PDB file of N, CA and C in Angstrom:
ATOM      1  N   UNK A   1      45.809  62.077 100.596  1.00  0.00           N
ATOM      2  CA  UNK A   1      46.908  61.718  99.994  1.00  0.00           C
ATOM      3  C   UNK A   1      48.116  62.604 100.189  1.00  0.00           C
ATOM      4  N   UNK A   2      49.266  62.296 100.303  1.00  0.00           N
ATOM      5  CA  UNK A   2      50.573  63.341 100.787  1.00  0.00           C
ATOM      6  C   UNK A   2      50.722  64.133  99.609  1.00  0.00           C
ATOM      7  N   UNK A   3      51.296  65.300  99.606  1.00  0.00           N
ATOM      8  CA  UNK A   3      51.794  66.180  98.791  1.00  0.00           C
ATOM      9  C   UNK A   3      53.064  66.198  98.648  1.00  0.00           C
ATOM     10  N   UNK A   4      53.808  65.789  97.690  1.00  0.00           N
ATOM     11  CA  UNK A   4      55.404  65.912  97.770  1.00  0.00           C
ATOM     12  C   UNK A   4      55.807  67.117  96.983  1.00  0.00           C
ATOM     13  N   UNK A   5      56.886  67.875  97.441  1.00  0.00           N
ATOM     14  CA  UNK A   5      57.408  69.104  96.505  1.00  0.00           C
ATOM     15  C   UNK A   5      58.884  68.796  96.327  1.00  0.00           C
ATOM     16  N   UNK A   6      58.940  69.333  94.815  1.00  0.00           N
ATOM     17  CA  UNK A   6      60.335  69.114  94.383  1.00  0.00           C
ATOM     18  C   UNK A   6      60.608  70.176  93.820  1.00  0.00           C
ATOM     19  N   UNK A   7      61.932  70.285  93.556  1.00  0.00           N
ATOM     20  CA  UNK A   7      62.628  71.482  92.932  1.00  0.00           C
ATOM     21  C   UNK A   7      63.375  71.210  91.761  1.00  0.00           C
ATOM     22  N   UNK A   8      63.209  71.955  90.744  1.00  0.00           N
ATOM     23  CA  UNK A   8      63.964  71.607  89.505  1.00  0.00           C
ATOM     24  C   UNK A   8      65.470  71.930  89.704  1.00  0.00           C
ATOM     25  N   UNK A   9      66.211  71.177  89.525  1.00  0.00           N
ATOM     26  CA  UNK A   9      67.645  71.507  89.533  1.00  0.00           C
ATOM     27  C   UNK A   9      68.266  72.331  88.600  1.00  0.00           C
ATOM     28  N   UNK A  10      67.625  72.343  87.442  1.00  0.00           N
ATOM     29  CA  UNK A  10      67.884  73.384  86.223  1.00  0.00           C
ATOM     30  C   UNK A  10      67.414  74.419  85.999  1.00  0.00           C
ATOM     31  N   UNK A  11      66.065  74.592  86.502  1.00  0.00           N
ATOM     32  CA  UNK A  11      65.413  76.016  86.543  1.00  0.00           C
ATOM     33  C   UNK A  11      64.826  76.551  87.732  1.00  0.00           C
ATOM     34  N   UNK A  12      64.926  75.750  88.668  1.00  0.00           N
ATOM     35  CA  UNK A  12      64.293  76.253  90.001  1.00  0.00           C
ATOM     36  C   UNK A  12      62.924  76.205  90.442  1.00  0.00           C
ATOM     37  N   UNK A  13      62.187  75.644  89.329  1.00  0.00           N
ATOM     38  CA  UNK A  13      60.585  75.644  89.365  1.00  0.00           C
ATOM     39  C   UNK A  13      60.288  74.906  90.625  1.00  0.00           C
ATOM     40  N   UNK A  14      59.390  74.937  91.404  1.00  0.00           N
ATOM     41  CA  UNK A  14      58.975  74.034  92.541  1.00  0.00           C
ATOM     42  C   UNK A  14      57.561  73.507  91.967  1.00  0.00           C
ATOM     43  N   UNK A  15      57.447  72.299  92.217  1.00  0.00           N
ATOM     44  CA  UNK A  15      56.283  71.272  91.653  1.00  0.00           C
ATOM     45  C   UNK A  15      56.000  70.454  92.762  1.00  0.00           C
ATOM     46  N   UNK A  16      54.465  70.152  93.102  1.00  0.00           N
ATOM     47  CA  UNK A  16      53.790  69.462  93.696  1.00  0.00           C
ATOM     48  C   UNK A  16      53.541  67.956  93.175  1.00  0.00           C
ATOM     49  N   UNK A  17      53.772  67.067  93.795  1.00  0.00           N
ATOM     50  CA  UNK A  17      53.467  65.618  93.231  1.00  0.00           C
ATOM     51  C   UNK A  17      52.392  65.038  94.333  1.00  0.00           C
ATOM     52  N   UNK A  18      51.277  64.639  93.914  1.00  0.00           N
ATOM     53  CA  UNK A  18      50.270  63.808  94.936  1.00  0.00           C
ATOM     54  C   UNK A  18      50.525  62.300  94.676  1.00  0.00           C
ATOM     55  N   UNK A  19      50.642  61.773  95.644  1.00  0.00           N
ATOM     56  CA  UNK A  19      51.119  60.245  95.541  1.00  0.00           C
ATOM     57  C   UNK A  19      50.902  59.464  96.933  1.00  0.00           C
ATOM     58  N   UNK A  20      50.475  58.445  96.923  1.00  0.00           N
ATOM     59  CA  UNK A  20      50.496  57.539  98.115  1.00  0.00           C
ATOM     60  C   UNK A  20      51.698  57.322  98.665  1.00  0.00           C
ATOM     61  N   UNK A  21      51.659  56.788  99.993  1.00  0.00           N
ATOM     62  CA  UNK A  21      52.938  56.694 100.545  1.00  0.00           C
ATOM     63  C   UNK A  21      53.687  55.360  99.659  1.00  0.00           C
ATOM     64  N   UNK A  22      52.611  54.444  99.359  1.00  0.00           N
ATOM     65  CA  UNK A  22      53.311  53.287  98.766  1.00  0.00           C
ATOM     66  C   UNK A  22      53.943  53.786  97.214  1.00  0.00           C
ATOM     67  N   UNK A  23      53.406  54.592  96.731  1.00  0.00           N
ATOM     68  CA  UNK A  23      53.907  54.862  95.475  1.00  0.00           C
ATOM     69  C   UNK A  23      55.269  55.752  95.572  1.00  0.00           C
ATOM     70  N   UNK A  24      55.266  56.535  96.674  1.00  0.00           N
ATOM     71  CA  UNK A  24      56.350  57.340  97.009  1.00  0.00           C
ATOM     72  C   UNK A  24      57.627  56.120  97.407  1.00  0.00           C
ATOM     73  N   UNK A  25      57.255  54.972  98.011  1.00  0.00           N
ATOM     74  CA  UNK A  25      58.195  54.148  98.628  1.00  0.00           C
ATOM     75  C   UNK A  25      58.812  53.503  97.297  1.00  0.00           C
ATOM     76  N   UNK A  26      57.974  53.340  96.292  1.00  0.00           N
ATOM     77  CA  UNK A  26      58.523  52.469  95.165  1.00  0.00           C
ATOM     78  C   UNK A  26      59.455  53.336  94.341  1.00  0.00           C
ATOM     79  N   UNK A  27      59.022  54.713  94.287  1.00  0.00           N
ATOM     80  CA  UNK A  27      59.925  55.875  93.645  1.00  0.00           C
ATOM     81  C   UNK A  27      59.113  56.561  92.805  1.00  0.00           C
ATOM     82  N   UNK A  28      59.167  57.696  92.721  1.00  0.00           N
ATOM     83  CA  UNK A  28      58.410  58.788  92.128  1.00  0.00           C
ATOM     84  C   UNK A  28      59.623  59.165  91.142  1.00  0.00           C
ATOM     85  N   UNK A  29      59.374  59.624  89.794  1.00  0.00           N
ATOM     86  CA  UNK A  29      60.249  60.199  88.738  1.00  0.00           C
ATOM     87  C   UNK A  29      59.332  61.130  88.219  1.00  0.00           C
ATOM     88  N   UNK A  30      59.189  62.236  88.890  1.00  0.00           N
ATOM     89  CA  UNK A  30      58.492  63.513  88.282  1.00  0.00           C
ATOM     90  C   UNK A  30      59.470  64.438  87.202  1.00  0.00           C
ATOM     91  N   UNK A  31      58.876  65.013  86.370  1.00  0.00           N
ATOM     92  CA  UNK A  31      59.581  66.067  85.462  1.00  0.00           C
ATOM     93  C   UNK A  31      59.054  67.482  85.607  1.00  0.00           C
ATOM     94  N   UNK A  32      59.992  68.317  85.437  1.00  0.00           N
ATOM     95  CA  UNK A  32      59.748  69.605  85.527  1.00  0.00           C
ATOM     96  C   UNK A  32      58.380  70.182  84.479  1.00  0.00           C
ATOM     97  N   UNK A  33      57.447  70.702  85.018  1.00  0.00           N
ATOM     98  CA  UNK A  33      56.397  71.334  83.968  1.00  0.00           C
ATOM     99  C   UNK A  33      56.887  72.621  83.189  1.00  0.00           C
ATOM    100  N   UNK A  34      57.995  72.977  83.718  1.00  0.00           N
ATOM    101  CA  UNK A  34      58.496  74.412  82.973  1.00  0.00           C
ATOM    102  C   UNK A  34      59.307  74.100  81.934  1.00  0.00           C
ATOM    103  N   UNK A  35      60.389  73.144  82.228  1.00  0.00           N
ATOM    104  CA  UNK A  35      61.519  73.025  81.360  1.00  0.00           C
ATOM    105  C   UNK A  35      61.554  71.483  80.913  1.00  0.00           C
ATOM    106  N   UNK A  36      60.964  70.722  81.346  1.00  0.00           N
ATOM    107  CA  UNK A  36      61.021  69.099  81.015  1.00  0.00           C
ATOM    108  C   UNK A  36      62.040  68.514  81.634  1.00  0.00           C
ATOM    109  N   UNK A  37      62.977  68.795  82.558  1.00  0.00           N
ATOM    110  CA  UNK A  37      63.799  68.273  83.093  1.00  0.00           C
ATOM    111  C   UNK A  37      63.455  66.966  83.908  1.00  0.00           C
ATOM    112  N   UNK A  38      64.146  66.124  84.213  1.00  0.00           N
ATOM    113  CA  UNK A  38      64.016  64.979  85.297  1.00  0.00           C
ATOM    114  C   UNK A  38      64.825  65.199  86.443  1.00  0.00           C
ATOM    115  N   UNK A  39      65.547  66.282  86.477  1.00  0.00           N
ATOM    116  CA  UNK A  39      66.562  66.390  87.649  1.00  0.00           C
ATOM    117  C   UNK A  39      66.044  67.434  88.618  1.00  0.00           C
ATOM    118  N   UNK A  40      64.940  66.577  89.428  1.00  0.00           N
ATOM    119  CA  UNK A  40      64.278  67.330  90.407  1.00  0.00           C
ATOM    120  C   UNK A  40      64.686  66.763  91.785  1.00  0.00           C
ATOM    121  N   UNK A  41      64.860  67.737  92.824  1.00  0.00           N
ATOM    122  CA  UNK A  41      65.098  67.078  94.102  1.00  0.00           C
ATOM    123  C   UNK A  41      64.061  67.412  95.039  1.00  0.00           C
ATOM    124  N   UNK A  42      63.708  66.612  95.867  1.00  0.00           N
ATOM    125  CA  UNK A  42      62.740  66.671  96.977  1.00  0.00           C
ATOM    126  C   UNK A  42      62.962  67.694  97.901  1.00  0.00           C
ATOM    127  N   UNK A  43      62.106  68.612  98.039  1.00  0.00           N
ATOM    128  CA  UNK A  43      62.155  69.517  99.242  1.00  0.00           C
ATOM    129  C   UNK A  43      61.526  69.143 100.573  1.00  0.00           C
ATOM    130  N   UNK A  44      62.022  69.470 101.532  1.00  0.00           N
ATOM    131  CA  UNK A  44      61.285  69.219 102.927  1.00  0.00           C
ATOM    132  C   UNK A  44      60.830  70.392 103.417  1.00  0.00           C
ATOM    133  N   UNK A  45      59.337  70.658 103.299  1.00  0.00           N
ATOM    134  CA  UNK A  45      58.534  71.430 103.714  1.00  0.00           C
ATOM    135  C   UNK A  45      57.516  70.971 104.820  1.00  0.00           C
ATOM    136  N   UNK A  46      56.678  71.834 105.085  1.00  0.00           N
ATOM    137  CA  UNK A  46      55.388  71.406 106.001  1.00  0.00           C
ATOM    138  C   UNK A  46      54.699  70.250 105.292  1.00  0.00           C
ATOM    139  N   UNK A  47      54.162  69.341 105.847  1.00  0.00           N
ATOM    140  CA  UNK A  47      53.306  68.253 105.367  1.00  0.00           C
ATOM    141  C   UNK A  47      52.119  68.819 104.718  1.00  0.00           C
ATOM    142  N   UNK A  48      51.568  68.319 103.757  1.00  0.00           N
ATOM    143  CA  UNK A  48      50.404  68.892 103.083  1.00  0.00           C
ATOM    144  C   UNK A  48      49.674  67.505 102.715  1.00  0.00           C
ATOM    145  N   UNK A  49      48.515  67.419 102.843  1.00  0.00           N
ATOM    146  CA  UNK A  49      47.387  66.474 102.580  1.00  0.00           C
ATOM    147  C   UNK A  49      46.401  66.978 101.721  1.00  0.00           C
ATOM    148  N   UNK A  50      46.225  66.346 100.621  1.00  0.00           N
ATOM    149  CA  UNK A  50      44.981  66.483  99.657  1.00  0.00           C
ATOM    150  C   UNK A  50      43.894  65.516 100.193  1.00  0.00           C
ATOM    151  N   UNK A  51      43.090  66.315 100.764  1.00  0.00           N
ATOM    152  CA  UNK A  51      41.657  65.386 101.328  1.00  0.00           C
ATOM    153  C   UNK A  51      40.762  65.653 100.460  1.00  0.00           C
ATOM    154  N   UNK A  52      40.605  66.446  99.457  1.00  0.00           N
ATOM    155  CA  UNK A  52      39.328  66.669  98.595  1.00  0.00           C
ATOM    156  C   UNK A  52      38.488  67.543  99.156  1.00  0.00           C
ATOM    157  N   UNK A  53      38.467  68.065 100.461  1.00  0.00           N
ATOM    158  CA  UNK A  53      37.748  69.209 101.104  1.00  0.00           C
ATOM    159  C   UNK A  53      38.656  70.357 101.192  1.00  0.00           C
ATOM    160  N   UNK A  54      37.709  71.540 100.729  1.00  0.00           N
ATOM    161  CA  UNK A  54      38.388  72.777 100.978  1.00  0.00           C
ATOM    162  C   UNK A  54      38.825  73.159 102.393  1.00  0.00           C
ATOM    163  N   UNK A  55      40.118  73.873 102.409  1.00  0.00           N
ATOM    164  CA  UNK A  55      40.421  74.153 103.627  1.00  0.00           C
ATOM    165  C   UNK A  55      41.170  75.867 103.777  1.00  0.00           C
ATOM    166  N   UNK A  56      40.636  76.429 104.725  1.00  0.00           N
ATOM    167  CA  UNK A  56      41.415  77.913 104.642  1.00  0.00           C
ATOM    168  C   UNK A  56      42.688  77.704 105.339  1.00  0.00           C
ATOM    169  N   UNK A  57      43.255  76.714 106.132  1.00  0.00           N
ATOM    170  CA  UNK A  57      44.373  76.710 106.768  1.00  0.00           C
ATOM    171  C   UNK A  57      45.427  77.030 106.023  1.00  0.00           C
ATOM    172  N   UNK A  58      45.454  76.644 104.760  1.00  0.00           N
ATOM    173  CA  UNK A  58      46.391  76.826 103.770  1.00  0.00           C
ATOM    174  C   UNK A  58      46.802  78.292 103.476  1.00  0.00           C
ATOM    175  N   UNK A  59      45.579  79.113 103.274  1.00  0.00           N
ATOM    176  CA  UNK A  59      45.576  80.471 102.919  1.00  0.00           C
ATOM    177  C   UNK A  59      45.684  81.252 104.118  1.00  0.00           C
ATOM    178  N   UNK A  60      46.062  81.021 105.213  1.00  0.00           N
ATOM    179  CA  UNK A  60      46.380  81.834 106.391  1.00  0.00           C
ATOM    180  C   UNK A  60      45.524  81.472 107.494  1.00  0.00           C
ATOM    181  N   UNK A  61      44.678  80.342 107.480  1.00  0.00           N
ATOM    182  CA  UNK A  61      43.674  79.996 108.575  1.00  0.00           C
ATOM    183  C   UNK A  61      42.428  80.648 108.529  1.00  0.00           C
ATOM    184  N   UNK A  62      41.605  80.432 109.338  1.00  0.00           N
ATOM    185  CA  UNK A  62      40.381  81.004 109.464  1.00  0.00           C
ATOM    186  C   UNK A  62      39.830  80.619 110.740  1.00  0.00           C
ATOM    187  N   UNK A  63      40.378  79.733 111.606  1.00  0.00           N
ATOM    188  CA  UNK A  63      39.802  79.282 112.830  1.00  0.00           C
ATOM    189  C   UNK A  63      40.530  80.157 113.860  1.00  0.00           C
ATOM    190  N   UNK A  64      39.740  80.138 114.950  1.00  0.00           N
ATOM    191  CA  UNK A  64      40.047  80.943 116.123  1.00  0.00           C
ATOM    192  C   UNK A  64      40.780  79.966 116.956  1.00  0.00           C
ATOM    193  N   UNK A  65      41.770  80.680 117.844  1.00  0.00           N
ATOM    194  CA  UNK A  65      42.885  79.632 118.534  1.00  0.00           C
ATOM    195  C   UNK A  65      41.988  78.903 119.399  1.00  0.00           C
ATOM    196  N   UNK A  66      42.379  77.598 119.635  1.00  0.00           N
ATOM    197  CA  UNK A  66      41.824  76.539 120.519  1.00  0.00           C
ATOM    198  C   UNK A  66      40.297  76.008 119.936  1.00  0.00           C
ATOM    199  N   UNK A  67      39.973  76.220 118.593  1.00  0.00           N
ATOM    200  CA  UNK A  67      38.902  76.097 118.021  1.00  0.00           C
ATOM    201  C   UNK A  67      38.429  74.501 117.826  1.00  0.00           C
ATOM    202  N   UNK A  68      39.707  73.735 117.788  1.00  0.00           N
ATOM    203  CA  UNK A  68      39.782  72.311 117.765  1.00  0.00           C
ATOM    204  C   UNK A  68      39.678  71.808 116.349  1.00  0.00           C
ATOM    205  N   UNK A  69      39.775  70.613 116.034  1.00  0.00           N
ATOM    206  CA  UNK A  69      40.191  69.967 114.929  1.00  0.00           C
ATOM    207  C   UNK A  69      38.879  70.093 113.864  1.00  0.00           C
ATOM    208  N   UNK A  70      39.184  70.329 112.640  1.00  0.00           N
ATOM    209  CA  UNK A  70      38.099  70.037 111.564  1.00  0.00           C
ATOM    210  C   UNK A  70      37.354  71.437 111.566  1.00  0.00           C
ATOM    211  N   UNK A  71      37.732  72.689 112.239  1.00  0.00           N
ATOM    212  CA  UNK A  71      36.920  73.785 111.949  1.00  0.00           C
ATOM    213  C   UNK A  71      37.100  74.529 110.705  1.00  0.00           C
ATOM    214  N   UNK A  72      38.189  74.471 110.053  1.00  0.00           N
ATOM    215  CA  UNK A  72      38.595  74.879 108.666  1.00  0.00           C
ATOM    216  C   UNK A  72      38.095  74.236 107.646  1.00  0.00           C
ATOM    217  N   UNK A  73      37.514  73.148 107.617  1.00  0.00           N
ATOM    218  CA  UNK A  73      36.966  72.336 106.654  1.00  0.00           C
ATOM    219  C   UNK A  73      35.611  72.918 106.285  1.00  0.00           C
ATOM    220  N   UNK A  74      35.329  73.060 104.747  1.00  0.00           N
ATOM    221  CA  UNK A  74      33.941  73.365 104.461  1.00  0.00           C
ATOM    222  C   UNK A  74      33.297  72.400 103.923  1.00  0.00           C
TER     223      UNK A  74
END
């Protein structure tokens, strides 16, 4: 499931929202967890996927160069 990042236009807090592509296309209406504002703007960062499996890649990696896909999943 894709992870979308939003930044609060009032307090600057960055929030992550997990939603399907279908949910995103219909429209997301996140609110800030810090100040409750609904003035959030989507940020464009690297793509994140929530797979339900642990991955070392987010924390700096752990795979040797050229190790191939799937090496960092536990």
